[in-house]
Protein backbone atom coordinates (compact mmCIF):
# COMPACT_ATOMS: atom_id res chain seq x y z
CA MET A 1 238.60 276.43 158.96
CA ARG A 2 238.47 273.21 157.25
CA SER A 3 236.58 271.43 160.02
CA VAL A 4 234.03 274.55 159.52
CA VAL A 5 233.89 273.82 155.71
CA ALA A 6 233.43 269.79 156.46
CA LEU A 7 231.09 270.61 158.74
CA VAL A 8 228.81 272.99 156.19
CA LEU A 9 229.05 270.06 153.62
CA LEU A 10 227.66 267.68 155.75
CA PHE A 11 224.72 269.52 157.44
CA GLY A 12 224.27 270.29 153.54
CA LEU A 13 223.44 266.10 153.36
CA VAL A 14 221.91 265.86 156.08
CA ALA A 15 219.40 268.45 155.05
CA THR A 16 218.89 267.22 151.53
CA ALA A 17 218.50 263.67 152.62
CA ARG A 18 216.00 264.79 154.97
CA ALA A 19 214.02 266.17 152.26
CA ASP A 20 214.00 263.54 150.31
CA LYS A 21 212.99 261.32 152.76
CA PRO A 22 209.31 262.26 152.55
CA LEU A 23 209.29 261.99 148.74
CA ALA A 24 211.08 258.43 148.93
CA ARG A 25 208.03 256.10 148.95
CA TYR A 26 206.57 257.79 145.56
CA ALA A 27 209.89 257.48 143.74
CA GLY A 28 209.08 256.03 140.31
CA LYS A 29 205.37 257.39 140.68
CA ILE A 30 203.60 259.36 138.19
CA VAL A 31 200.07 261.01 139.96
CA ILE A 32 197.71 262.37 137.86
CA SER A 33 194.85 264.36 138.86
CA PRO A 34 192.41 267.08 137.52
CA ASP A 35 193.28 269.29 140.94
CA ALA A 36 196.77 271.62 140.76
CA PRO A 37 199.56 270.29 142.95
CA PRO A 38 200.47 272.92 145.28
CA SER A 39 203.66 275.60 144.69
CA ALA A 40 205.46 274.67 147.76
CA ILE A 41 207.72 272.00 147.45
CA SER A 42 207.31 270.78 151.39
CA GLU A 43 203.47 270.34 150.50
CA ILE A 44 204.01 267.99 147.30
CA PRO A 45 203.87 264.89 150.08
CA ALA A 46 200.85 265.68 150.75
CA TYR A 47 199.24 265.76 147.65
CA LEU A 48 200.83 262.52 146.85
CA ALA A 49 199.57 260.73 149.37
CA ALA A 50 195.84 262.70 149.02
CA ASN A 51 196.12 261.54 145.01
CA LEU A 52 197.74 258.54 144.51
CA VAL A 53 196.41 255.43 143.24
CA LYS A 54 198.00 251.98 144.54
CA ASP A 55 198.00 250.46 141.40
CA GLY A 56 199.36 253.64 139.39
CA SER A 57 195.79 253.52 137.06
CA TYR A 58 194.29 256.75 137.10
CA ASP A 59 190.96 258.01 135.34
CA LEU A 60 189.97 260.92 133.48
CA THR A 61 186.80 261.81 132.61
CA LYS A 62 184.27 264.44 131.25
CA GLY A 63 186.50 264.89 128.44
CA PRO A 64 187.34 265.35 125.26
CA PRO A 65 189.41 267.58 125.98
CA TRP A 66 191.04 266.11 128.98
CA PRO A 67 192.85 268.39 131.21
CA MET A 68 195.51 267.35 133.89
CA HIS A 69 197.97 267.69 136.78
CA LEU A 70 200.99 265.48 136.74
CA VAL A 71 203.50 265.10 139.57
CA GLY A 72 206.18 262.59 139.42
CA VAL A 73 208.78 261.51 141.78
CA LEU A 74 212.45 260.33 140.30
CA PRO A 75 214.23 257.64 141.98
CA ARG A 76 217.14 259.81 141.69
CA ASP A 77 218.57 263.57 141.30
CA VAL A 78 218.35 264.24 137.32
CA THR A 79 220.28 267.35 136.04
CA LYS A 80 219.22 266.85 132.43
CA PRO A 81 215.74 267.71 131.19
CA VAL A 82 213.42 264.24 131.30
CA THR A 83 210.85 263.64 128.66
CA LEU A 84 207.42 262.73 129.66
CA VAL A 85 205.97 260.64 127.53
CA PHE A 86 202.32 259.00 126.14
CA ALA A 87 202.01 256.15 124.70
CA ASP A 88 198.78 254.24 123.70
CA LYS A 89 199.14 250.74 126.08
CA ALA A 90 197.84 249.03 122.99
CA ASP A 91 200.46 249.32 120.87
CA THR A 92 203.16 246.66 121.51
CA LYS A 93 205.89 249.10 119.85
CA LEU A 94 204.94 252.10 122.53
CA ALA A 95 205.33 254.66 119.62
CA PRO A 96 204.37 258.03 121.53
CA LEU A 97 201.50 259.79 121.02
CA PHE A 98 202.89 262.92 122.88
CA ALA A 99 206.30 263.81 124.34
CA ILE A 100 207.57 266.82 126.12
CA GLU A 101 210.56 267.25 127.78
CA VAL A 102 210.14 268.48 131.31
CA ALA A 103 212.67 269.85 134.32
CA SER A 104 212.94 268.47 137.89
CA LYS A 105 213.71 269.95 141.53
CA GLN A 106 214.28 268.16 143.95
CA ARG A 107 213.61 264.78 142.25
CA VAL A 108 209.85 266.04 141.48
CA VAL A 109 208.48 266.49 137.78
CA ILE A 110 205.20 268.78 137.65
CA ALA A 111 203.68 268.97 134.56
CA HIS A 112 200.31 270.14 133.08
CA THR A 113 198.64 269.19 129.53
CA GLU A 114 195.51 268.55 128.04
CA ALA A 115 194.69 265.04 126.17
CA THR A 116 193.02 266.19 122.78
CA VAL A 117 191.20 264.31 120.22
CA ALA A 118 193.33 266.86 117.82
CA ALA A 119 196.37 264.82 119.49
CA GLY A 120 195.32 261.59 118.95
CA PHE A 121 194.02 261.17 122.48
CA ALA A 122 190.36 259.28 122.25
CA ALA A 123 187.83 258.32 125.08
CA GLY A 124 188.10 254.34 126.70
CA LYS A 125 191.95 253.98 125.64
CA THR A 126 194.41 253.29 127.94
CA TYR A 127 197.45 254.96 127.59
CA LEU A 128 201.36 254.35 129.58
CA VAL A 129 202.80 257.80 131.03
CA ARG A 130 206.32 257.42 131.78
CA LEU A 131 208.87 259.82 132.57
CA MET A 132 212.25 258.77 130.68
CA LEU A 133 215.72 259.94 130.82
CA GLY A 134 216.66 258.83 126.98
CA LYS A 135 215.39 254.81 126.74
CA THR A 136 215.45 254.78 130.61
CA VAL A 137 211.96 255.20 132.33
CA LEU A 138 212.54 256.39 135.76
CA ALA A 139 208.24 257.07 136.84
CA ARG A 140 205.69 255.60 134.99
CA ALA A 141 201.39 255.58 135.67
CA GLU A 142 198.52 254.63 133.85
CA LEU A 143 195.57 256.61 132.10
CA THR A 144 192.29 255.66 131.21
CA LEU A 145 190.14 258.83 129.17
CA ARG A 146 186.70 258.33 129.70
CA ASP A 147 183.92 260.88 128.45
């Protein structure tokens, strides 16, 4: 009986490792797109590959408002909610302009939000977008808003 339980646990660990492998190259990154991500977790790696910008700098046009979808991949499993934080890149203290708690599933965070003038966003400015656990940055990107 113990060997069956050990085999089941081992199989579970191998299955988890295989599921994480396609996402490993995206760990610590956030993809920002006006296009909605797929609902199936198995399709997320293809979405990330199609929308990832190598330098992590994204532009959104045709605003305000600027609707966006964000998909972040965490470097490790996190059981607590993480915080999605937008801060003006020009602010040396990186004071949060906008922050919201989001949950992760299988190391992936998916969020939809809208940058508005009423919330303090402006065209022509660049913002740092981070997924944070406390003061630890787990994933990041840059976002520039344009008219």
